[in-house]
């Protein structure tokens, strides 16, 4: 997502979500790190019980992480992925052509809609930002 109004939201009030999906011949899974506005980290490793491509695992990690942040009651979210494809598709810079990617984008779109439970601000920057950069000591 882009736009000056979104970029003006103070990072100190945002939850941070760093996700990374992985797929190998032995299975797929995700690494998820949630950082609260107070700077507390919660790390999760998830093994998926289904086969997934690398891109599908990246999207599954993002969807799962976004749901976790929603369940925690976050109102602002900065989400980071190391997948250039996923970031550019979510930001609308790349078009999703595969049906599975289109479905993931629809899920993300639903999760991005503001409501009483969901985040009102979500940004998907291109570059990974460390917690120390956003929450200096």
C-alpha atoms as a PDB file:
ATOM      1  CA  UNK A   1       0.000   0.000   0.000  1.00  0.00           C
ATOM      2  CA  UNK A   2       1.190   3.481  -0.638  1.00  0.00           C
ATOM      3  CA  UNK A   3       0.039   6.986   0.157  1.00  0.00           C
ATOM      4  CA  UNK A   4       1.068   9.833   2.381  1.00  0.00           C
ATOM      5  CA  UNK A   5      -1.767   9.448   4.889  1.00  0.00           C
ATOM      6  CA  UNK A   6      -0.700   5.883   5.615  1.00  0.00           C
ATOM      7  CA  UNK A   7       2.950   6.768   5.851  1.00  0.00           C
ATOM      8  CA  UNK A   8       2.162   9.419   8.484  1.00  0.00           C
ATOM      9  CA  UNK A   9       0.942   6.840  11.009  1.00  0.00           C
ATOM     10  CA  UNK A  10       3.581   6.744  13.743  1.00  0.00           C
ATOM     11  CA  UNK A  11       5.497   3.480  13.655  1.00  0.00           C
ATOM     12  CA  UNK A  12       5.691   3.512  17.439  1.00  0.00           C
ATOM     13  CA  UNK A  13       1.954   2.749  17.598  1.00  0.00           C
ATOM     14  CA  UNK A  14       2.054  -0.016  14.997  1.00  0.00           C
ATOM     15  CA  UNK A  15       2.372  -3.737  15.457  1.00  0.00           C
ATOM     16  CA  UNK A  16       5.095  -5.243  13.298  1.00  0.00           C
ATOM     17  CA  UNK A  17       4.619  -8.503  11.465  1.00  0.00           C
ATOM     18  CA  UNK A  18       7.581 -10.231   9.831  1.00  0.00           C
ATOM     19  CA  UNK A  19       6.729 -13.383   7.902  1.00  0.00           C
ATOM     20  CA  UNK A  20       8.676 -15.943   5.932  1.00  0.00           C
ATOM     21  CA  UNK A  21       7.251 -19.004   4.236  1.00  0.00           C
ATOM     22  CA  UNK A  22       9.220 -22.070   3.217  1.00  0.00           C
ATOM     23  CA  UNK A  23       8.510 -25.067   1.045  1.00  0.00           C
ATOM     24  CA  UNK A  24      10.741 -28.096   0.573  1.00  0.00           C
ATOM     25  CA  UNK A  25      10.256 -31.669  -0.564  1.00  0.00           C
ATOM     26  CA  UNK A  26       9.821 -32.554   3.118  1.00  0.00           C
ATOM     27  CA  UNK A  27       7.015 -30.086   3.815  1.00  0.00           C
ATOM     28  CA  UNK A  28       6.140 -26.442   4.161  1.00  0.00           C
ATOM     29  CA  UNK A  29       5.808 -23.982   6.980  1.00  0.00           C
ATOM     30  CA  UNK A  30       6.189 -20.443   8.191  1.00  0.00           C
ATOM     31  CA  UNK A  31       8.180 -18.286  10.511  1.00  0.00           C
ATOM     32  CA  UNK A  32       6.238 -15.415  12.067  1.00  0.00           C
ATOM     33  CA  UNK A  33       7.517 -12.670  14.341  1.00  0.00           C
ATOM     34  CA  UNK A  34       5.026 -10.268  15.913  1.00  0.00           C
ATOM     35  CA  UNK A  35       6.302  -7.173  17.670  1.00  0.00           C
ATOM     36  CA  UNK A  36       3.934  -5.192  19.864  1.00  0.00           C
ATOM     37  CA  UNK A  37       3.988  -1.384  19.944  1.00  0.00           C
ATOM     38  CA  UNK A  38       5.813  -1.730  23.278  1.00  0.00           C
ATOM     39  CA  UNK A  39       8.606  -3.676  21.563  1.00  0.00           C
ATOM     40  CA  UNK A  40       7.792  -7.170  22.854  1.00  0.00           C
ATOM     41  CA  UNK A  41       8.545  -9.936  20.339  1.00  0.00           C
ATOM     42  CA  UNK A  42       6.551 -13.123  19.875  1.00  0.00           C
ATOM     43  CA  UNK A  43       8.113 -15.720  17.589  1.00  0.00           C
ATOM     44  CA  UNK A  44       6.247 -18.606  15.998  1.00  0.00           C
ATOM     45  CA  UNK A  45       7.267 -21.516  13.806  1.00  0.00           C
ATOM     46  CA  UNK A  46       4.415 -23.291  12.040  1.00  0.00           C
ATOM     47  CA  UNK A  47       4.542 -26.534  10.083  1.00  0.00           C
ATOM     48  CA  UNK A  48       1.777 -26.760   7.502  1.00  0.00           C
ATOM     49  CA  UNK A  49      -0.030 -30.063   7.137  1.00  0.00           C
ATOM     50  CA  UNK A  50      -0.373 -29.586   3.387  1.00  0.00           C
ATOM     51  CA  UNK A  51       1.871 -29.196   0.369  1.00  0.00           C
ATOM     52  CA  UNK A  52       2.537 -25.655  -0.763  1.00  0.00           C
ATOM     53  CA  UNK A  53       4.791 -23.894  -3.228  1.00  0.00           C
ATOM     54  CA  UNK A  54       7.210 -21.304  -1.864  1.00  0.00           C
ATOM     55  CA  UNK A  55       4.840 -18.490  -2.899  1.00  0.00           C
ATOM     56  CA  UNK A  56       1.863 -20.255  -1.312  1.00  0.00           C
ATOM     57  CA  UNK A  57       3.848 -20.760   1.904  1.00  0.00           C
ATOM     58  CA  UNK A  58       4.751 -17.042   1.895  1.00  0.00           C
ATOM     59  CA  UNK A  59       1.088 -16.087   1.479  1.00  0.00           C
ATOM     60  CA  UNK A  60      -0.041 -18.590   4.103  1.00  0.00           C
ATOM     61  CA  UNK A  61       2.483 -17.107   6.528  1.00  0.00           C
ATOM     62  CA  UNK A  62       1.170 -13.603   5.830  1.00  0.00           C
ATOM     63  CA  UNK A  63      -2.496 -14.599   6.192  1.00  0.00           C
ATOM     64  CA  UNK A  64      -1.792 -16.466   9.425  1.00  0.00           C
ATOM     65  CA  UNK A  65       0.262 -13.596  10.829  1.00  0.00           C
ATOM     66  CA  UNK A  66      -2.403 -11.035   9.942  1.00  0.00           C
ATOM     67  CA  UNK A  67      -5.064 -13.149  11.664  1.00  0.00           C
ATOM     68  CA  UNK A  68      -2.882 -13.431  14.759  1.00  0.00           C
ATOM     69  CA  UNK A  69      -2.457  -9.655  14.896  1.00  0.00           C
ATOM     70  CA  UNK A  70      -6.205  -9.165  14.477  1.00  0.00           C
ATOM     71  CA  UNK A  71      -6.908 -11.606  17.303  1.00  0.00           C
ATOM     72  CA  UNK A  72      -4.519  -9.617  19.496  1.00  0.00           C
ATOM     73  CA  UNK A  73      -6.651  -6.514  18.857  1.00  0.00           C
ATOM     74  CA  UNK A  74      -4.134  -4.473  16.880  1.00  0.00           C
ATOM     75  CA  UNK A  75      -5.318  -1.268  15.241  1.00  0.00           C
ATOM     76  CA  UNK A  76      -2.197  -0.550  13.183  1.00  0.00           C
ATOM     77  CA  UNK A  77       0.031  -2.999  11.370  1.00  0.00           C
ATOM     78  CA  UNK A  78       3.243  -2.859   9.382  1.00  0.00           C
ATOM     79  CA  UNK A  79       3.685  -6.188   7.618  1.00  0.00           C
ATOM     80  CA  UNK A  80       6.986  -7.323   6.136  1.00  0.00           C
ATOM     81  CA  UNK A  81       7.797 -10.207   3.824  1.00  0.00           C
ATOM     82  CA  UNK A  82      11.057 -11.071   2.133  1.00  0.00           C
ATOM     83  CA  UNK A  83       9.126 -12.171  -0.961  1.00  0.00           C
ATOM     84  CA  UNK A  84       9.294  -9.440  -3.581  1.00  0.00           C
ATOM     85  CA  UNK A  85       6.464 -11.117  -5.514  1.00  0.00           C
ATOM     86  CA  UNK A  86       4.091 -11.187  -2.543  1.00  0.00           C
ATOM     87  CA  UNK A  87       4.878  -7.587  -1.521  1.00  0.00           C
ATOM     88  CA  UNK A  88       4.406  -6.278  -5.047  1.00  0.00           C
ATOM     89  CA  UNK A  89       1.180  -8.245  -5.555  1.00  0.00           C
ATOM     90  CA  UNK A  90      -0.259  -7.060  -2.237  1.00  0.00           C
ATOM     91  CA  UNK A  91       0.768  -3.476  -3.032  1.00  0.00           C
ATOM     92  CA  UNK A  92      -0.885  -3.724  -6.466  1.00  0.00           C
ATOM     93  CA  UNK A  93       2.349  -3.313  -8.418  1.00  0.00           C
ATOM     94  CA  UNK A  94       2.200  -6.851  -9.859  1.00  0.00           C
ATOM     95  CA  UNK A  95      -0.881  -8.626 -11.117  1.00  0.00           C
ATOM     96  CA  UNK A  96      -1.634 -12.069  -9.735  1.00  0.00           C
ATOM     97  CA  UNK A  97      -2.214 -14.446 -12.641  1.00  0.00           C
ATOM     98  CA  UNK A  98      -2.413 -17.848 -10.962  1.00  0.00           C
ATOM     99  CA  UNK A  99      -5.790 -18.641  -9.432  1.00  0.00           C
ATOM    100  CA  UNK A 100      -4.247 -19.572  -6.083  1.00  0.00           C
ATOM    101  CA  UNK A 101      -2.442 -16.202  -5.892  1.00  0.00           C
ATOM    102  CA  UNK A 102      -5.676 -14.373  -6.753  1.00  0.00           C
ATOM    103  CA  UNK A 103      -7.404 -16.211  -3.902  1.00  0.00           C
ATOM    104  CA  UNK A 104      -4.647 -15.284  -1.468  1.00  0.00           C
ATOM    105  CA  UNK A 105      -4.915 -11.637  -2.511  1.00  0.00           C
ATOM    106  CA  UNK A 106      -8.655 -11.766  -1.867  1.00  0.00           C
ATOM    107  CA  UNK A 107      -7.992 -13.109   1.642  1.00  0.00           C
ATOM    108  CA  UNK A 108      -5.460 -10.345   2.277  1.00  0.00           C
ATOM    109  CA  UNK A 109      -7.949  -7.780   0.978  1.00  0.00           C
ATOM    110  CA  UNK A 110     -10.566  -9.012   3.435  1.00  0.00           C
ATOM    111  CA  UNK A 111      -8.061  -8.912   6.282  1.00  0.00           C
ATOM    112  CA  UNK A 112      -7.057  -5.344   5.365  1.00  0.00           C
ATOM    113  CA  UNK A 113     -10.630  -4.006   5.550  1.00  0.00           C
ATOM    114  CA  UNK A 114     -11.128  -1.888   8.658  1.00  0.00           C
ATOM    115  CA  UNK A 115     -13.717  -3.187  11.112  1.00  0.00           C
ATOM    116  CA  UNK A 116     -14.015  -3.540  14.830  1.00  0.00           C
ATOM    117  CA  UNK A 117     -11.637  -6.544  14.771  1.00  0.00           C
ATOM    118  CA  UNK A 118      -9.266  -5.790  11.926  1.00  0.00           C
ATOM    119  CA  UNK A 119      -6.350  -3.469  11.448  1.00  0.00           C
ATOM    120  CA  UNK A 120      -7.131  -0.004  10.192  1.00  0.00           C
ATOM    121  CA  UNK A 121      -3.678   0.575   8.757  1.00  0.00           C
ATOM    122  CA  UNK A 122      -1.536  -1.929   6.961  1.00  0.00           C
ATOM    123  CA  UNK A 123       1.575  -1.179   4.965  1.00  0.00           C
ATOM    124  CA  UNK A 124       3.707  -3.645   3.064  1.00  0.00           C
ATOM    125  CA  UNK A 125       7.093  -1.975   2.604  1.00  0.00           C
ATOM    126  CA  UNK A 126       9.544  -3.381   0.097  1.00  0.00           C
ATOM    127  CA  UNK A 127      12.496  -3.522   2.446  1.00  0.00           C
ATOM    128  CA  UNK A 128      12.736  -5.467   5.661  1.00  0.00           C
ATOM    129  CA  UNK A 129      13.106  -3.174   8.641  1.00  0.00           C
ATOM    130  CA  UNK A 130      14.562  -4.366  11.896  1.00  0.00           C
ATOM    131  CA  UNK A 131      12.860  -3.859  15.235  1.00  0.00           C
ATOM    132  CA  UNK A 132      15.820  -1.771  16.359  1.00  0.00           C
ATOM    133  CA  UNK A 133      15.225   0.674  13.492  1.00  0.00           C
ATOM    134  CA  UNK A 134      11.567   1.137  14.403  1.00  0.00           C
ATOM    135  CA  UNK A 135      11.892   0.966  18.183  1.00  0.00           C
ATOM    136  CA  UNK A 136      15.300   2.402  19.113  1.00  0.00           C
ATOM    137  CA  UNK A 137      16.324   1.934  22.733  1.00  0.00           C
END
